[in-house]
Amino acid sequence: MKFLFYFSGESPALALAELRALFELSGLDFHIREQSARIVIIESKKADEAQIKKLSERSALLRLSTSFIFSTRADLKGLKKKFEETKWFEFVTSPFCVRVLDLTKKYKAKTPSLQAELAGPIWRALKKPSVDLKHPKTTIYVILTKSKFYVTKLIWTEPRGRFKARQPSAKPAFHPTALKPKLARLLVNLARARKGTSLLDPFCGTGSIPLEAALIGCRAIATDIDPRMLARSKRNFDFFKVKGYKLQQVDATLLQEAFPRDSIDAIATDPPYRRASFASEKDLQVLYSKFLKSASIVLKPGAYLSLMIPAHIKPTSIISRQFKCVAAGTWYVHRALTRRIIVLRKR
């Protein structure tokens, strides 16, 4: 089957890397058939709509997940003709509705009338047609881009305010450097953290990353060298009623003193990046290098580590031979700060 995914837009490279990781976690094959900045079409022989919905619910950067039906050139006349020719009874169960997502902004004023017009051929193709705009059984999503029009069937759409309850300002223990939950979830997914397995964050801070890991069923291990940060993590975990987590004061450059060799299933973390915390940029590189060397000892062979670093630091300056970089991308925080996210696999 073919599936079309529409990303939220912060980082196309990281969105695709996350989608690949989610397919891998689900044990599904993954073949890119078409790709643009925010749209990718995947073909998978093993995947079905239920599996796609499940992996989408876990995602950070997906906005829409759909089953691909057909595409046309960016021409309304050709789109309407193809609608008339399609055997809609193969795809649609009543009640249904048609939604148009106009990424070109060219047809914004025409969207309501276009949706109604495109619903006509579907209505005529069904034996007992009915339309329900609020609670349809089938939603046909038409995505308009400058080069192509895509016609799909909706599987999952991101709920509004999905991460709002876990924003840093909503947590009882706040810190200005705390990660937003969307970014924390992305790091967990990129690390291929599986339900029931261990996810370690060695620079846990107020616990944003291990909290997201715990919420998807991982055994979250939150460590930090600062006991005050561990206390804040505990407050946040308890506030969200997280169970089964572990807090421990550990130096991230000496993880092998706290954990057995090859014992950790996944690592996702956001180390300190402010120069005020260290004497120089060289000291930051030394910290990252020592941490990665230590992490390579406790992480299981073949397991993944996702890491955020300042954009100006080259990954090659800190990655040891024990790791292979499998994905990378940048994340814009604000005008004065862009971060780099790298995903490493232990050899």
Protein backbone atom coordinates (compact mmCIF):
# COMPACT_ATOMS: atom_id res chain seq x y z
CA MET A 1 0.00 0.00 0.00
CA LYS A 2 0.97 3.62 -0.48
CA PHE A 3 0.62 6.21 2.26
CA LEU A 4 1.00 9.98 2.14
CA PHE A 5 2.33 11.80 5.19
CA TYR A 6 2.21 15.55 5.75
CA PHE A 7 4.77 16.98 8.17
CA SER A 8 4.39 19.89 10.56
CA GLY A 9 7.25 21.78 8.93
CA GLU A 10 9.93 22.54 11.55
CA SER A 11 12.57 20.27 9.99
CA PRO A 12 11.81 18.09 6.91
CA ALA A 13 15.03 16.10 7.42
CA LEU A 14 14.22 15.25 11.03
CA ALA A 15 10.55 14.56 10.20
CA LEU A 16 11.59 11.99 7.62
CA ALA A 17 14.15 10.51 10.01
CA GLU A 18 11.44 10.18 12.66
CA LEU A 19 9.03 8.55 10.23
CA ARG A 20 11.71 6.07 9.21
CA ALA A 21 12.36 5.30 12.89
CA LEU A 22 8.65 4.75 13.59
CA PHE A 23 8.36 2.33 10.66
CA GLU A 24 11.43 0.50 11.92
CA LEU A 25 9.96 0.26 15.43
CA SER A 26 6.74 -1.14 13.94
CA GLY A 27 8.64 -3.77 11.94
CA LEU A 28 7.36 -2.36 8.65
CA ASP A 29 9.18 -1.98 5.35
CA PHE A 30 9.79 1.58 4.17
CA HIS A 31 10.22 2.72 0.57
CA ILE A 32 10.09 6.40 -0.44
CA ARG A 33 8.19 6.86 -3.70
CA GLU A 34 7.89 10.64 -3.71
CA GLN A 35 9.19 13.42 -1.50
CA SER A 36 8.95 17.19 -1.10
CA ALA A 37 9.55 19.57 1.81
CA ARG A 38 6.48 18.60 3.85
CA ILE A 39 5.02 15.65 1.95
CA VAL A 40 6.36 12.14 1.55
CA ILE A 41 4.71 9.14 -0.11
CA ILE A 42 5.75 5.79 1.33
CA GLU A 43 5.08 2.34 -0.07
CA SER A 44 4.97 -0.53 2.38
CA LYS A 45 3.91 -4.10 1.67
CA LYS A 46 3.38 -4.96 5.33
CA ALA A 47 1.66 -1.80 6.62
CA ASP A 48 -2.10 -1.39 7.00
CA GLU A 49 -4.15 1.60 8.10
CA ALA A 50 -4.40 0.45 11.72
CA GLN A 51 -0.60 0.22 12.00
CA ILE A 52 -0.17 3.63 10.37
CA LYS A 53 -2.62 5.17 12.84
CA LYS A 54 -0.77 3.64 15.79
CA LEU A 55 2.66 4.92 14.75
CA SER A 56 1.18 8.34 13.91
CA GLU A 57 -0.24 8.70 17.42
CA ARG A 58 3.28 8.32 18.79
CA SER A 59 4.88 10.80 16.36
CA ALA A 60 6.12 14.32 17.07
CA LEU A 61 6.30 15.89 13.61
CA LEU A 62 3.39 14.33 11.70
CA ARG A 63 0.38 16.50 10.90
CA LEU A 64 -1.60 14.12 8.65
CA SER A 65 -1.38 10.42 7.78
CA THR A 66 -3.39 9.19 4.80
CA SER A 67 -3.84 6.34 2.35
CA PHE A 68 -2.78 7.44 -1.12
CA ILE A 69 -5.48 7.10 -3.80
CA PHE A 70 -4.17 9.05 -6.80
CA SER A 71 -2.45 12.26 -7.88
CA THR A 72 -2.88 14.60 -10.83
CA ARG A 73 -1.07 17.59 -12.26
CA ALA A 74 -1.87 20.88 -10.57
CA ASP A 75 -4.97 21.47 -12.66
CA LEU A 76 -8.52 21.68 -11.28
CA LYS A 77 -10.08 20.52 -14.54
CA GLY A 78 -7.96 17.36 -14.57
CA LEU A 79 -8.66 16.77 -10.87
CA LYS A 80 -12.43 16.96 -11.38
CA LYS A 81 -12.23 14.60 -14.36
CA LYS A 82 -10.27 12.05 -12.33
CA PHE A 83 -12.86 12.31 -9.54
CA GLU A 84 -15.57 11.36 -12.04
CA GLU A 85 -13.58 8.33 -13.23
CA THR A 86 -12.66 6.92 -9.80
CA LYS A 87 -14.53 3.96 -8.32
CA TRP A 88 -15.27 5.61 -5.01
CA PHE A 89 -17.18 2.65 -3.59
CA GLU A 90 -13.76 0.95 -3.21
CA PHE A 91 -12.52 3.65 -0.81
CA VAL A 92 -15.50 5.32 0.84
CA THR A 93 -17.92 4.28 3.56
CA SER A 94 -20.80 6.65 4.36
CA PRO A 95 -21.12 9.06 5.97
CA PHE A 96 -18.22 10.80 4.28
CA CYS A 97 -16.81 14.27 3.70
CA VAL A 98 -14.24 15.93 1.46
CA ARG A 99 -11.55 18.23 2.84
CA VAL A 100 -9.22 20.39 0.75
CA LEU A 101 -5.82 21.40 2.10
CA ASP A 102 -4.55 24.21 -0.12
CA LEU A 103 -0.79 24.56 0.39
CA THR A 104 -0.58 26.98 -2.55
CA LYS A 105 -3.02 29.52 -0.99
CA LYS A 106 -4.23 30.00 -4.57
CA TYR A 107 -7.63 28.40 -4.09
CA LYS A 108 -8.38 29.56 -0.55
CA ALA A 109 -11.55 31.44 -1.51
CA LYS A 110 -12.77 28.48 -3.57
CA THR A 111 -12.15 25.80 -0.95
CA PRO A 112 -15.74 25.41 0.39
CA SER A 113 -17.29 25.26 -3.08
CA LEU A 114 -14.50 22.95 -4.34
CA GLN A 115 -15.10 20.54 -1.46
CA ALA A 116 -18.82 20.43 -2.29
CA GLU A 117 -18.14 19.97 -6.00
CA LEU A 118 -15.68 17.11 -5.45
CA ALA A 119 -18.14 15.37 -3.13
CA GLY A 120 -20.60 15.08 -6.04
CA PRO A 121 -18.88 12.19 -7.89
CA ILE A 122 -18.45 10.31 -4.61
CA TRP A 123 -22.14 10.76 -3.76
CA ARG A 124 -23.18 9.43 -7.16
CA ALA A 125 -20.86 6.41 -6.90
CA LEU A 126 -22.29 5.12 -3.59
CA LYS A 127 -25.48 3.10 -3.16
CA LYS A 128 -26.56 4.79 0.07
CA PRO A 129 -24.57 8.01 0.24
CA SER A 130 -24.61 10.40 3.18
CA VAL A 131 -22.43 13.29 4.28
CA ASP A 132 -21.35 14.16 7.82
CA LEU A 133 -18.91 17.04 8.20
CA LYS A 134 -18.31 16.53 11.92
CA HIS A 135 -18.19 12.76 12.36
CA PRO A 136 -17.58 11.08 8.98
CA LYS A 137 -16.54 7.46 8.67
CA THR A 138 -14.43 8.40 5.64
CA THR A 139 -12.66 11.69 4.99
CA ILE A 140 -11.24 12.21 1.52
CA TYR A 141 -8.33 14.63 1.81
CA VAL A 142 -7.32 16.59 -1.29
CA ILE A 143 -3.92 18.24 -0.89
CA LEU A 144 -3.12 20.99 -3.39
CA THR A 145 0.55 21.83 -4.06
CA LYS A 146 2.14 23.93 -6.77
CA SER A 147 3.22 20.93 -8.83
CA LYS A 148 0.62 18.24 -8.00
CA PHE A 149 -2.76 17.58 -6.47
CA TYR A 150 -2.93 14.54 -4.16
CA VAL A 151 -6.13 12.66 -3.35
CA THR A 152 -6.01 10.55 -0.20
CA LYS A 153 -8.11 8.94 2.51
CA LEU A 154 -7.54 10.22 6.03
CA ILE A 155 -6.12 7.78 8.59
CA TRP A 156 -5.01 10.17 11.33
CA THR A 157 -4.84 13.90 11.92
CA GLU A 158 -2.95 15.59 14.75
CA PRO A 159 -5.31 16.60 17.57
CA ARG A 160 -5.24 20.28 18.39
CA GLY A 161 -3.13 21.09 21.46
CA ARG A 162 -1.71 17.57 21.63
CA PHE A 163 1.34 18.62 23.69
CA LYS A 164 -0.12 21.67 25.42
CA ALA A 165 -0.59 20.09 28.85
CA ARG A 166 3.13 19.26 29.07
CA GLN A 167 4.58 22.59 27.97
CA PRO A 168 7.39 23.75 30.30
CA SER A 169 5.26 26.57 31.70
CA ALA A 170 2.50 24.10 32.63
CA LYS A 171 4.78 21.93 34.76
CA PRO A 172 5.13 22.46 38.52
CA ALA A 173 8.94 22.44 38.32
CA PHE A 174 9.93 24.96 35.67
CA HIS A 175 13.35 25.76 34.23
CA PRO A 176 14.02 28.15 31.32
CA THR A 177 16.12 25.59 29.43
CA ALA A 178 13.48 22.83 29.61
CA LEU A 179 12.64 21.18 26.30
CA LYS A 180 9.17 21.49 24.84
CA PRO A 181 7.36 18.13 24.81
CA LYS A 182 7.18 17.96 21.02
CA LEU A 183 10.96 18.16 20.73
CA ALA A 184 11.43 15.75 23.63
CA ARG A 185 9.10 13.23 21.94
CA LEU A 186 11.06 13.62 18.70
CA LEU A 187 14.32 12.73 20.47
CA VAL A 188 12.70 9.67 22.07
CA ASN A 189 11.41 8.47 18.71
CA LEU A 190 14.70 9.07 16.93
CA ALA A 191 16.39 6.92 19.58
CA ARG A 192 14.03 4.03 18.66
CA ALA A 193 12.83 3.65 22.24
CA ARG A 194 10.46 0.70 22.48
CA LYS A 195 7.68 0.10 24.96
CA GLY A 196 8.97 -1.91 27.91
CA THR A 197 12.64 -1.15 27.25
CA SER A 198 15.00 1.30 28.94
CA LEU A 199 15.47 4.90 27.80
CA LEU A 200 18.26 6.82 29.52
CA ASP A 201 18.59 10.61 29.60
CA PRO A 202 21.99 11.38 31.24
CA PHE A 203 21.36 15.17 31.29
CA CYS A 204 17.72 14.95 32.37
CA GLY A 205 17.24 18.47 33.75
CA THR A 206 13.56 18.81 34.64
CA GLY A 207 12.76 15.50 32.94
CA SER A 208 11.15 16.46 29.63
CA ILE A 209 12.69 13.58 27.64
CA PRO A 210 12.22 10.73 30.17
CA LEU A 211 8.66 11.97 30.80
CA GLU A 212 7.80 11.51 27.11
CA ALA A 213 9.51 8.12 27.14
CA ALA A 214 7.52 7.00 30.18
CA LEU A 215 4.25 8.13 28.60
CA ILE A 216 4.76 5.72 25.67
CA GLY A 217 5.60 2.84 28.02
CA CYS A 218 9.38 2.93 28.27
CA ARG A 219 11.32 2.32 31.47
CA ALA A 220 12.56 5.88 31.89
CA ILE A 221 15.93 6.41 33.56
CA ALA A 222 16.63 10.06 34.41
CA THR A 223 20.11 10.95 35.61
CA ASP A 224 21.87 14.25 36.21
CA ILE A 225 24.92 15.45 38.07
CA ASP A 226 22.83 18.15 39.77
CA PRO A 227 20.55 16.85 42.59
CA ARG A 228 18.37 19.98 42.27
CA MET A 229 17.46 18.97 38.73
CA LEU A 230 16.59 15.46 39.89
CA ALA A 231 14.24 16.96 42.48
CA ARG A 232 12.55 18.98 39.76
CA SER A 233 12.22 15.90 37.57
CA LYS A 234 10.55 14.02 40.42
CA ARG A 235 8.02 16.82 40.92
CA ASN A 236 7.13 16.77 37.24
CA PHE A 237 6.93 12.98 37.02
CA ASP A 238 4.68 12.81 40.07
CA PHE A 239 2.49 15.63 38.73
CA PHE A 240 1.81 13.63 35.55
CA LYS A 241 1.43 10.41 37.58
CA VAL A 242 4.27 8.63 35.81
CA LYS A 243 5.19 5.25 37.25
CA GLY A 244 8.18 2.98 36.88
CA TYR A 245 10.79 5.70 36.39
CA LYS A 246 14.24 5.77 37.97
CA LEU A 247 16.10 8.87 39.21
CA GLN A 248 19.82 8.74 39.95
CA GLN A 249 22.64 11.23 40.46
CA VAL A 250 25.26 10.30 37.87
CA ASP A 251 28.08 12.04 36.02
CA ALA A 252 27.20 11.69 32.31
CA THR A 253 30.88 11.23 31.44
CA LEU A 254 31.11 8.23 33.81
CA LEU A 255 27.96 6.28 32.99
CA GLN A 256 29.90 2.99 33.14
CA GLU A 257 30.27 3.50 36.90
CA ALA A 258 26.47 3.49 37.33
CA PHE A 259 25.28 1.04 34.66
CA PRO A 260 26.58 -2.33 33.41
CA ARG A 261 28.22 -2.56 30.01
CA ASP A 262 25.78 -3.02 27.10
CA SER A 263 22.73 -2.67 29.38
CA ILE A 264 20.85 0.39 28.07
CA ASP A 265 18.37 0.02 25.19
CA ALA A 266 18.25 3.67 24.04
CA ILE A 267 19.66 7.08 24.97
CA ALA A 268 18.07 10.44 24.19
CA THR A 269 19.42 13.63 25.69
CA ASP A 270 19.95 17.38 25.50
CA PRO A 271 23.35 18.22 27.07
CA PRO A 272 24.21 21.70 28.34
CA TYR A 273 24.97 24.13 25.53
CA ARG A 274 25.32 27.53 27.20
CA ARG A 275 28.88 28.80 27.10
CA ALA A 276 28.33 30.39 30.52
CA SER A 277 28.36 26.87 31.96
CA PHE A 278 31.84 26.17 30.57
CA ALA A 279 35.09 28.02 30.00
CA SER A 280 35.04 27.72 26.22
CA GLU A 281 33.56 26.01 23.18
CA LYS A 282 36.47 23.58 23.42
CA ASP A 283 35.25 22.56 26.87
CA LEU A 284 31.80 21.84 25.41
CA GLN A 285 33.35 19.59 22.78
CA VAL A 286 35.33 17.80 25.46
CA LEU A 287 32.16 17.27 27.52
CA TYR A 288 30.24 15.89 24.52
CA SER A 289 33.13 13.64 23.50
CA LYS A 290 33.56 12.22 27.00
CA PHE A 291 29.82 11.65 27.29
CA LEU A 292 29.63 9.80 23.96
CA LYS A 293 32.61 7.64 24.89
CA SER A 294 30.90 6.74 28.17
CA ALA A 295 27.55 6.18 26.44
CA SER A 296 29.16 3.77 23.98
CA ILE A 297 30.10 1.54 26.89
CA VAL A 298 26.65 1.21 28.48
CA LEU A 299 24.50 1.29 25.32
CA LYS A 300 23.66 -2.06 23.75
CA PRO A 301 25.28 -2.92 20.40
CA GLY A 302 23.09 -1.80 17.49
CA ALA A 303 21.09 0.54 19.74
CA TYR A 304 20.49 4.24 19.04
CA LEU A 305 21.36 7.54 20.69
CA SER A 306 19.75 10.89 19.80
CA LEU A 307 21.55 14.04 20.86
CA MET A 308 21.12 17.81 20.61
CA ILE A 309 24.19 20.03 20.21
CA PRO A 310 24.79 23.64 19.18
CA ALA A 311 24.61 24.05 15.40
CA HIS A 312 28.13 25.49 15.19
CA ILE A 313 29.72 22.33 16.61
CA LYS A 314 30.61 19.79 13.94
CA PRO A 315 29.41 16.25 14.77
CA THR A 316 32.68 14.82 13.42
CA SER A 317 34.55 16.63 16.20
CA ILE A 318 32.78 14.69 18.96
CA ILE A 319 31.60 11.34 17.53
CA SER A 320 33.79 8.37 18.40
CA ARG A 321 34.43 5.34 16.21
CA GLN A 322 31.99 3.32 18.30
CA PHE A 323 29.09 5.18 16.64
CA LYS A 324 27.76 5.65 13.13
CA CYS A 325 25.72 8.78 12.37
CA VAL A 326 22.46 7.68 10.70
CA ALA A 327 20.52 10.97 10.62
CA ALA A 328 21.00 14.67 11.29
CA GLY A 329 19.07 17.90 11.00
CA THR A 330 18.76 21.38 12.45
CA TRP A 331 16.06 22.77 14.73
CA TYR A 332 15.38 26.49 14.90
CA VAL A 333 14.74 27.60 18.50
CA HIS A 334 14.79 31.38 18.13
CA ARG A 335 16.70 34.06 16.22
CA ALA A 336 19.83 33.62 18.32
CA LEU A 337 19.74 29.84 18.66
CA THR A 338 19.63 26.94 16.24
CA ARG A 339 20.32 23.42 17.48
CA ARG A 340 21.62 20.39 15.64
CA ILE A 341 20.09 16.98 16.26
CA ILE A 342 22.12 13.90 15.43
CA VAL A 343 21.13 10.25 15.61
CA LEU A 344 23.87 7.72 16.26
CA ARG A 345 23.88 3.93 16.10
CA LYS A 346 26.32 1.94 18.16
CA ARG A 347 28.41 -0.32 15.95
